[in-house]
Amino acid sequence: MSHAADLLLFAALVFGIIALPGLDMAFVLGSSLTAGRRQGLTAVAGITVGGAGLVAMTTLGIGVLLKVVPAAFNALLLAGALYIAWIGISLLRADSAFGMQAEGRAVPAWTTFRRGALTCLLNPKAYLFMLAVFPQFLHAAYGPLWSQALVLWLIIAITQLTVYGSIALAASRARGWLVRQPAAGAVVARAVGVMLIGAALFTGFEGWRAM
């Protein structure tokens, strides 16, 4: 298979993974619905930077270390589960910063950016992809590993920006109606919170069972 064919296959796999509903998508959706377009796009930016961190970790071999030392990987899963559960609980709290509010009164952009990056960095689905799939597309015959990793990250980043950015924009349009319907807005925010907590419980259980 040629390098170009490899890249096309990788792009298809990345799109399939990112388009599947998951923690990153839920965070973008929740941020955009509850705090507006700017916060939704800020969440997307944070997740994209988190993706760069995952690529760097995998390229430097840290991902391999986590795979070789199961306890470290399981501890990471548990840490991610706790963090994700905390975000979900924040959404469930009626007076939390994630509640429906005017865009100007939303949580600071840096907070949303940081949460987005951490959500990506602690996302079990992302780690499984990076450990099982990403290394298969790094070949010595194609040149320096760092340049190959950069190209693969660009594919990931463009896909994240396209998919999650579209979700953020669509959700921000729906937000206008939700702001005028406080009860419906609260239901949506809490539904996203329940989804995040459910994902956290599943992730935590998997990590605990493997220990």
Protein backbone atom coordinates (compact mmCIF):
# COMPACT_ATOMS: atom_id res chain seq x y z
CA MET A 1 0.00 0.00 0.00
CA SER A 2 1.34 3.45 -0.92
CA HIS A 3 1.80 6.28 1.56
CA ALA A 4 -1.12 8.18 0.02
CA ALA A 5 -3.37 5.14 0.37
CA ASP A 6 -2.26 4.77 3.99
CA LEU A 7 -3.18 8.38 4.69
CA LEU A 8 -6.61 7.98 3.08
CA LEU A 9 -7.27 4.87 5.17
CA PHE A 10 -6.12 6.68 8.31
CA ALA A 11 -8.38 9.63 7.52
CA ALA A 12 -11.36 7.30 7.10
CA LEU A 13 -10.64 5.58 10.41
CA VAL A 14 -10.20 8.89 12.21
CA PHE A 15 -13.48 10.21 10.84
CA GLY A 16 -15.27 7.05 11.95
CA ILE A 17 -13.88 7.32 15.48
CA ILE A 18 -14.52 11.05 15.88
CA ALA A 19 -18.02 10.91 14.37
CA LEU A 20 -19.08 8.28 16.93
CA PRO A 21 -20.77 9.86 19.97
CA GLY A 22 -18.34 10.03 22.88
CA LEU A 23 -16.94 12.16 25.66
CA ASP A 24 -15.38 14.83 23.43
CA MET A 25 -18.57 15.23 21.44
CA ALA A 26 -20.68 15.40 24.60
CA PHE A 27 -18.42 18.09 26.06
CA VAL A 28 -18.62 20.21 22.89
CA LEU A 29 -22.39 19.75 22.74
CA GLY A 30 -22.84 20.65 26.39
CA SER A 31 -20.56 23.69 26.18
CA SER A 32 -22.29 25.07 23.09
CA LEU A 33 -25.83 24.40 24.30
CA THR A 34 -25.35 25.84 27.75
CA ALA A 35 -22.93 28.71 27.10
CA GLY A 36 -23.11 29.57 23.41
CA ARG A 37 -21.13 29.31 20.18
CA ARG A 38 -17.93 30.90 21.50
CA GLN A 39 -17.68 28.42 24.36
CA GLY A 40 -18.50 25.53 22.05
CA LEU A 41 -15.73 26.49 19.63
CA THR A 42 -13.36 27.06 22.56
CA ALA A 43 -14.11 23.51 23.69
CA VAL A 44 -13.28 22.30 20.17
CA ALA A 45 -9.96 24.16 20.29
CA GLY A 46 -9.10 22.58 23.64
CA ILE A 47 -9.93 19.10 22.37
CA THR A 48 -7.78 19.68 19.28
CA VAL A 49 -4.81 20.68 21.45
CA GLY A 50 -5.46 17.64 23.62
CA GLY A 51 -5.27 15.53 20.47
CA ALA A 52 -1.86 17.03 19.72
CA GLY A 53 -0.77 15.97 23.20
CA LEU A 54 -1.90 12.41 22.57
CA VAL A 55 0.01 12.28 19.28
CA ALA A 56 3.15 13.61 20.98
CA MET A 57 2.85 11.09 23.81
CA THR A 58 2.40 8.20 21.39
CA THR A 59 5.28 9.31 19.17
CA LEU A 60 7.61 9.70 22.15
CA GLY A 61 6.75 6.21 23.38
CA ILE A 62 4.77 7.19 26.46
CA GLY A 63 1.73 5.47 25.00
CA VAL A 64 3.72 2.27 24.60
CA LEU A 65 4.77 2.50 28.25
CA LEU A 66 1.13 2.71 29.30
CA LYS A 67 0.39 -0.36 27.19
CA VAL A 68 3.31 -2.31 28.67
CA VAL A 69 2.45 -1.32 32.25
CA PRO A 70 -1.29 -2.11 32.57
CA ALA A 71 -1.50 -0.62 36.06
CA ALA A 72 -0.49 2.79 34.71
CA PHE A 73 -3.08 2.62 31.95
CA ASN A 74 -5.79 1.49 34.38
CA ALA A 75 -4.90 4.32 36.75
CA LEU A 76 -5.24 6.73 33.82
CA LEU A 77 -8.67 5.31 33.02
CA LEU A 78 -9.79 5.81 36.62
CA ALA A 79 -8.44 9.37 36.70
CA GLY A 80 -10.25 10.13 33.47
CA ALA A 81 -13.46 8.61 34.82
CA LEU A 82 -13.32 10.80 37.94
CA TYR A 83 -12.68 13.94 35.91
CA ILE A 84 -15.46 13.21 33.44
CA ALA A 85 -17.87 12.40 36.29
CA TRP A 86 -17.02 15.76 37.88
CA ILE A 87 -17.96 17.57 34.66
CA GLY A 88 -21.20 15.58 34.49
CA ILE A 89 -22.08 16.43 38.09
CA SER A 90 -21.41 20.10 37.32
CA LEU A 91 -23.97 19.92 34.53
CA LEU A 92 -26.52 18.34 36.85
CA ARG A 93 -26.23 21.10 39.43
CA ALA A 94 -28.90 23.70 38.84
CA ASP A 95 -26.66 26.56 39.97
CA SER A 96 -23.48 25.38 38.29
CA ALA A 97 -21.46 27.42 35.81
CA PHE A 98 -22.65 25.03 33.10
CA GLY A 99 -26.28 26.06 33.54
CA MET A 100 -28.07 27.93 30.77
CA GLN A 101 -26.95 31.56 30.92
CA ALA A 102 -26.07 34.55 28.78
CA GLU A 103 -22.91 34.11 26.72
CA GLY A 104 -21.23 37.04 28.43
CA ARG A 105 -21.73 35.42 31.82
CA ALA A 106 -20.40 32.01 30.81
CA VAL A 107 -17.40 30.40 32.46
CA PRO A 108 -14.03 31.87 31.35
CA ALA A 109 -12.85 30.74 27.93
CA TRP A 110 -9.60 29.46 29.42
CA THR A 111 -11.57 27.18 31.77
CA THR A 112 -13.53 25.70 28.88
CA PHE A 113 -10.35 25.34 26.81
CA ARG A 114 -8.56 23.56 29.65
CA ARG A 115 -11.50 21.26 30.30
CA GLY A 116 -11.67 20.41 26.60
CA ALA A 117 -7.97 19.53 26.48
CA LEU A 118 -8.23 17.39 29.62
CA THR A 119 -11.37 15.66 28.35
CA CYS A 120 -9.45 14.62 25.23
CA LEU A 121 -6.30 13.66 27.14
CA LEU A 122 -8.30 11.50 29.57
CA ASN A 123 -10.62 10.01 26.95
CA PRO A 124 -10.27 6.19 26.97
CA LYS A 125 -11.55 5.93 23.38
CA ALA A 126 -8.76 8.23 22.23
CA TYR A 127 -6.11 6.21 24.05
CA LEU A 128 -7.34 2.93 22.61
CA PHE A 129 -7.15 4.44 19.12
CA MET A 130 -3.68 5.89 19.70
CA LEU A 131 -2.33 2.64 21.16
CA ALA A 132 -3.91 0.21 18.71
CA VAL A 133 -4.25 2.12 15.42
CA PHE A 134 -1.93 5.14 15.29
CA PRO A 135 1.39 3.19 15.44
CA GLN A 136 0.31 1.05 12.48
CA PHE A 137 0.61 4.11 10.23
CA LEU A 138 4.16 5.04 11.21
CA HIS A 139 6.68 3.44 8.86
CA ALA A 140 10.42 4.04 8.70
CA ALA A 141 10.26 3.86 4.90
CA TYR A 142 8.12 7.02 4.81
CA GLY A 143 10.70 9.23 6.50
CA PRO A 144 11.29 10.65 9.99
CA LEU A 145 8.67 9.56 12.52
CA TRP A 146 8.13 13.11 13.75
CA SER A 147 7.16 14.34 10.27
CA GLN A 148 4.81 11.39 9.77
CA ALA A 149 3.26 12.00 13.19
CA LEU A 150 2.77 15.67 12.28
CA VAL A 151 0.88 14.75 9.11
CA LEU A 152 -1.29 12.25 10.99
CA TRP A 153 -2.02 14.84 13.66
CA LEU A 154 -3.06 17.35 10.99
CA ILE A 155 -5.55 14.78 9.70
CA ILE A 156 -6.87 14.27 13.24
CA ALA A 157 -7.03 18.01 13.94
CA ILE A 158 -8.82 18.85 10.68
CA THR A 159 -11.35 16.09 11.35
CA GLN A 160 -11.90 17.26 14.94
CA LEU A 161 -12.36 20.86 13.84
CA THR A 162 -14.78 19.85 11.08
CA VAL A 163 -16.93 17.39 13.03
CA TYR A 164 -16.92 19.02 16.46
CA GLY A 165 -16.99 22.53 14.99
CA SER A 166 -20.13 21.67 13.03
CA ILE A 167 -21.73 20.27 16.18
CA ALA A 168 -20.81 23.39 18.15
CA LEU A 169 -22.33 25.68 15.51
CA ALA A 170 -25.50 23.60 15.18
CA ALA A 171 -25.94 23.38 18.95
CA SER A 172 -25.44 27.12 19.37
CA ARG A 173 -28.34 27.73 17.00
CA ALA A 174 -30.55 25.43 19.05
CA ARG A 175 -29.42 27.27 22.17
CA GLY A 176 -31.44 30.35 21.19
CA TRP A 177 -34.64 28.36 21.56
CA LEU A 178 -33.43 26.69 24.76
CA VAL A 179 -32.69 30.06 26.37
CA ARG A 180 -36.31 31.03 25.74
CA GLN A 181 -37.39 27.69 27.19
CA PRO A 182 -35.52 27.41 30.53
CA ALA A 183 -37.12 24.10 31.45
CA ALA A 184 -36.07 22.51 28.16
CA GLY A 185 -32.57 23.96 28.52
CA ALA A 186 -32.22 22.47 31.98
CA VAL A 187 -33.34 19.07 30.68
CA VAL A 188 -30.77 19.16 27.87
CA ALA A 189 -27.94 20.22 30.19
CA ARG A 190 -28.82 17.49 32.66
CA ALA A 191 -29.16 14.90 29.90
CA VAL A 192 -25.61 15.66 28.79
CA GLY A 193 -24.53 15.46 32.43
CA VAL A 194 -26.14 12.04 32.84
CA MET A 195 -24.46 10.85 29.63
CA LEU A 196 -21.05 11.96 30.90
CA ILE A 197 -21.58 10.35 34.30
CA GLY A 198 -22.71 7.12 32.63
CA ALA A 199 -19.59 7.09 30.45
CA ALA A 200 -17.46 7.78 33.53
CA LEU A 201 -19.02 4.90 35.46
CA PHE A 202 -18.44 2.53 32.54
CA THR A 203 -14.84 3.69 32.14
CA GLY A 204 -14.18 3.46 35.87
CA PHE A 205 -15.65 -0.03 36.02
CA GLU A 206 -13.48 -1.20 33.13
CA GLY A 207 -10.38 0.23 34.77
CA TRP A 208 -11.24 -1.27 38.17
CA ARG A 209 -12.03 -4.68 36.68
CA ALA A 210 -8.68 -4.79 34.88
CA MET A 211 -6.68 -3.95 38.01
